Amino acid sequence: MRLSLVCVVVSLAVSWTPAAIGRPQPGPGDRPKGEDAIGFEVFAGFKRIEKGNPIFALDPPLWAAATHAIVVDETAHYFWCGRQRGARWLLLMHATAPVGNLTDITQDARNPILVPSEKGFDDAAVEYPFPFLNPADDGKVWRIGHVRTRDFRTFEPNPHNPIFTPSASRDAWDCGGVLTPHVIEIGDTYYMVYAGKKGKEWQTGLAKTPKP
């Protein structure tokens, strides 16, 4: 039997708590009823974009992954991790794109925006700028799963798990594993930024699914 590693997307079970999809959280009086929860099938519907992937990539053996995104006004801000050679090997990068075309990416001229310290707890690497839940088993293939919760104590697994798996094509840039998902909402679409693996290198890709 082949074991698999699973990276899990955690969503709050009511749509008034959109912190997991990159929007400000409303006040206590704005809560709708529990039946307004985002359906499991929505998270099971992500499809890779047809053109533009990977949206961040570096030449092997370097990689560009661990990407997260937030939307401010009409601009998507990407925070991604670049693997470099040397002892201080993971650097935090920033890029932007208009919400109308998430693959029209402009890299921040100040990159890297955050680097490991010369002496300190972070003297080797800096990455993962946002909280995420990433449980794993001792298998060989990373896949993405989804659970939802109302109280962060009890979790309901998505019956469609795993919701996102490596590409079936051996030539695809993400055929070896998928990891570190982050979901944002733009208009009538949910977009998921994720890391994909081929060989020993991880790059960053984009998938999308329509809102119900």
Protein backbone atom coordinates (compact mmCIF):
# COMPACT_ATOMS: atom_id res chain seq x y z
CA MET A 1 0.00 0.00 0.00
CA ARG A 2 1.33 3.45 -0.94
CA LEU A 3 1.15 6.03 1.82
CA SER A 4 0.69 9.69 1.00
CA LEU A 5 1.58 12.95 2.68
CA VAL A 6 -1.37 15.28 3.02
CA CYS A 7 -1.37 19.06 3.31
CA VAL A 8 -4.66 20.33 4.70
CA VAL A 9 -6.62 23.48 3.93
CA VAL A 10 -8.63 24.58 6.96
CA SER A 11 -11.74 26.67 6.32
CA LEU A 12 -14.14 28.16 8.82
CA ALA A 13 -17.55 26.61 8.42
CA VAL A 14 -19.52 29.84 8.00
CA SER A 15 -18.99 32.33 5.22
CA TRP A 16 -18.87 35.30 7.62
CA THR A 17 -15.39 34.20 8.71
CA PRO A 18 -13.38 34.68 5.52
CA ALA A 19 -9.93 34.98 7.10
CA ALA A 20 -8.93 31.77 5.30
CA ILE A 21 -9.71 33.39 1.96
CA GLY A 22 -7.89 36.67 2.44
CA ARG A 23 -10.67 39.09 3.41
CA PRO A 24 -11.26 41.24 6.52
CA GLN A 25 -13.35 39.62 9.25
CA PRO A 26 -16.75 41.28 9.95
CA GLY A 27 -17.95 42.19 13.41
CA PRO A 28 -19.88 39.92 15.80
CA GLY A 29 -23.25 41.15 14.57
CA ASP A 30 -22.58 40.10 10.97
CA ARG A 31 -22.80 36.34 11.45
CA PRO A 32 -25.29 34.51 9.23
CA LYS A 33 -26.66 31.11 10.17
CA GLY A 34 -24.57 27.95 9.96
CA GLU A 35 -26.33 26.83 6.78
CA ASP A 36 -24.36 29.54 4.96
CA ALA A 37 -21.18 27.46 5.29
CA ILE A 38 -19.04 27.15 2.19
CA GLY A 39 -19.82 23.71 0.76
CA PHE A 40 -17.26 20.93 0.66
CA GLU A 41 -17.79 20.55 -3.09
CA VAL A 42 -16.42 24.07 -3.65
CA PHE A 43 -13.03 23.11 -2.25
CA ALA A 44 -13.13 19.87 -4.21
CA GLY A 45 -13.57 21.79 -7.47
CA PHE A 46 -10.16 23.43 -7.91
CA LYS A 47 -8.71 23.08 -11.42
CA ARG A 48 -5.30 24.21 -12.61
CA ILE A 49 -5.38 27.34 -14.73
CA GLU A 50 -4.97 26.54 -18.42
CA LYS A 51 -2.08 28.94 -19.09
CA GLY A 52 0.54 30.59 -16.94
CA ASN A 53 1.68 27.85 -14.56
CA PRO A 54 3.97 27.79 -12.78
CA ILE A 55 3.45 31.43 -11.83
CA PHE A 56 6.75 31.52 -9.90
CA ALA A 57 9.73 29.41 -10.91
CA LEU A 58 13.51 29.44 -10.64
CA ASP A 59 16.00 27.34 -12.56
CA PRO A 60 16.85 24.00 -10.88
CA PRO A 61 18.18 23.25 -8.35
CA LEU A 62 16.62 26.44 -6.99
CA TRP A 63 12.89 26.67 -6.35
CA ALA A 64 10.10 29.16 -5.74
CA ALA A 65 7.34 27.94 -3.45
CA ALA A 66 5.57 28.36 -0.08
CA THR A 67 3.50 31.14 -1.68
CA HIS A 68 0.59 32.92 -0.01
CA ALA A 69 -1.59 35.76 -1.26
CA ILE A 70 -3.77 38.58 -0.02
CA VAL A 71 -5.97 41.01 -1.95
CA VAL A 72 -5.85 44.74 -1.21
CA ASP A 73 -8.22 46.85 -3.29
CA GLU A 74 -7.61 45.74 -6.91
CA THR A 75 -4.17 44.21 -6.35
CA ALA A 76 -3.14 40.69 -5.36
CA HIS A 77 0.01 40.56 -3.24
CA TYR A 78 2.05 37.37 -3.42
CA PHE A 79 4.56 36.42 -0.74
CA TRP A 80 6.79 33.61 -1.94
CA CYS A 81 9.91 31.82 -0.80
CA GLY A 82 12.97 31.59 -3.01
CA ARG A 83 15.51 28.86 -2.38
CA GLN A 84 19.06 30.02 -2.97
CA ARG A 85 22.50 28.47 -2.73
CA GLY A 86 24.48 28.95 0.45
CA ALA A 87 23.96 28.73 4.20
CA ARG A 88 21.21 31.38 4.25
CA TRP A 89 19.14 29.46 1.76
CA LEU A 90 15.50 30.59 2.00
CA LEU A 91 14.52 34.20 1.30
CA LEU A 92 11.09 35.88 1.41
CA MET A 93 9.97 37.60 -1.81
CA HIS A 94 7.07 39.88 -2.76
CA ALA A 95 5.23 40.33 -6.05
CA THR A 96 1.95 41.84 -7.23
CA ALA A 97 -0.66 41.27 -9.93
CA PRO A 98 -3.94 42.95 -10.87
CA VAL A 99 -6.99 40.98 -9.70
CA GLY A 100 -8.16 40.83 -13.30
CA ASN A 101 -5.09 38.82 -14.35
CA LEU A 102 -3.34 36.97 -11.54
CA THR A 103 -0.58 35.76 -13.86
CA ASP A 104 0.44 39.31 -14.89
CA ILE A 105 3.03 39.39 -12.15
CA THR A 106 5.44 42.19 -11.24
CA GLN A 107 8.28 41.34 -8.88
CA ASP A 108 9.06 43.81 -6.11
CA ALA A 109 12.24 45.71 -6.97
CA ARG A 110 13.22 45.46 -3.29
CA ASN A 111 13.35 41.64 -3.33
CA PRO A 112 14.20 39.84 -1.20
CA ILE A 113 12.04 41.73 1.29
CA LEU A 114 13.15 39.56 4.20
CA VAL A 115 16.37 37.59 4.59
CA PRO A 116 17.77 35.37 7.36
CA SER A 117 19.66 37.17 10.08
CA GLU A 118 23.41 36.85 10.33
CA LYS A 119 23.18 35.54 13.89
CA GLY A 120 19.89 34.51 15.47
CA PHE A 121 17.05 32.01 15.51
CA ASP A 122 16.35 32.74 11.83
CA ASP A 123 19.90 32.63 10.50
CA ALA A 124 19.25 29.87 7.94
CA ALA A 125 15.84 30.52 6.39
CA VAL A 126 12.69 32.64 6.42
CA GLU A 127 9.45 31.39 4.84
CA TYR A 128 5.72 30.70 5.35
CA PRO A 129 4.55 34.26 6.14
CA PHE A 130 1.00 33.14 7.02
CA PRO A 131 -0.36 30.48 9.40
CA PHE A 132 -1.14 27.13 7.85
CA LEU A 133 -1.94 23.60 8.99
CA ASN A 134 0.24 20.97 7.42
CA PRO A 135 -0.03 17.50 8.98
CA ALA A 136 1.97 14.73 7.32
CA ASP A 137 2.46 10.99 7.27
CA ASP A 138 5.64 9.13 6.38
CA GLY A 139 4.75 8.47 2.76
CA LYS A 140 6.25 9.85 -0.43
CA VAL A 141 3.55 11.91 -2.18
CA TRP A 142 2.23 15.29 -0.97
CA ARG A 143 -1.49 15.88 -1.61
CA ILE A 144 -3.89 18.58 -0.41
CA GLY A 145 -6.82 17.88 1.88
CA HIS A 146 -9.52 20.07 3.44
CA VAL A 147 -11.27 20.25 6.81
CA ARG A 148 -13.63 22.87 8.20
CA THR A 149 -14.38 24.02 11.74
CA ARG A 150 -16.56 26.39 13.73
CA ASP A 151 -14.46 26.52 16.89
CA PHE A 152 -10.94 25.25 16.02
CA ARG A 153 -11.55 22.33 18.38
CA THR A 154 -13.63 19.96 16.30
CA PHE A 155 -12.87 19.47 12.61
CA GLU A 156 -15.03 18.04 9.86
CA PRO A 157 -13.06 16.38 7.02
CA ASN A 158 -14.12 16.98 3.44
CA PRO A 159 -15.61 13.77 2.03
CA HIS A 160 -13.94 14.59 -1.29
CA ASN A 161 -10.42 14.43 0.23
CA PRO A 162 -7.85 14.67 -1.12
CA ILE A 163 -9.24 17.74 -2.87
CA PHE A 164 -6.14 18.38 -5.01
CA THR A 165 -3.49 15.93 -6.19
CA PRO A 166 -0.29 16.01 -8.28
CA SER A 167 -0.69 16.19 -12.03
CA ALA A 168 -1.08 12.83 -13.74
CA SER A 169 1.36 13.92 -16.46
CA ARG A 170 4.95 12.85 -15.79
CA ASP A 171 6.14 15.95 -17.62
CA ALA A 172 4.12 18.41 -15.55
CA TRP A 173 5.91 20.81 -13.24
CA ASP A 174 3.75 19.59 -10.30
CA CYS A 175 3.74 15.83 -11.00
CA GLY A 176 5.68 14.92 -7.85
CA GLY A 177 3.57 16.55 -5.13
CA VAL A 178 1.40 19.53 -4.15
CA LEU A 179 1.70 21.48 -0.91
CA THR A 180 1.10 24.72 1.09
CA PRO A 181 -2.29 25.80 -0.30
CA HIS A 182 -3.70 29.27 0.27
CA VAL A 183 -7.15 30.36 -0.95
CA ILE A 184 -8.32 33.87 -1.85
CA GLU A 185 -11.67 35.12 -3.16
CA ILE A 186 -11.86 37.44 -6.15
CA GLY A 187 -15.26 38.21 -7.66
CA ASP A 188 -17.13 34.98 -8.38
CA THR A 189 -14.04 32.76 -8.19
CA TYR A 190 -11.90 31.15 -5.49
CA TYR A 191 -8.20 30.96 -6.38
CA MET A 192 -5.74 28.62 -4.71
CA VAL A 193 -2.03 29.33 -4.72
CA TYR A 194 -0.04 26.16 -4.10
CA ALA A 195 3.42 24.64 -4.37
CA GLY A 196 4.11 21.89 -6.87
CA LYS A 197 7.07 19.53 -7.04
CA LYS A 198 8.96 17.88 -9.86
CA GLY A 199 12.14 16.04 -9.02
CA LYS A 200 13.67 17.88 -6.08
CA GLU A 201 12.43 21.37 -6.99
CA TRP A 202 9.28 23.12 -5.76
CA GLN A 203 7.64 25.93 -7.79
CA THR A 204 4.39 27.88 -7.38
CA GLY A 205 1.15 27.36 -9.27
CA LEU A 206 -2.43 28.59 -9.38
CA ALA A 207 -5.77 26.77 -9.49
CA LYS A 208 -9.32 28.08 -9.45
CA THR A 209 -12.91 27.04 -8.83
CA PRO A 210 -16.16 29.00 -9.29
CA LYS A 211 -18.21 30.15 -6.32
CA PRO A 212 -21.55 28.36 -6.04
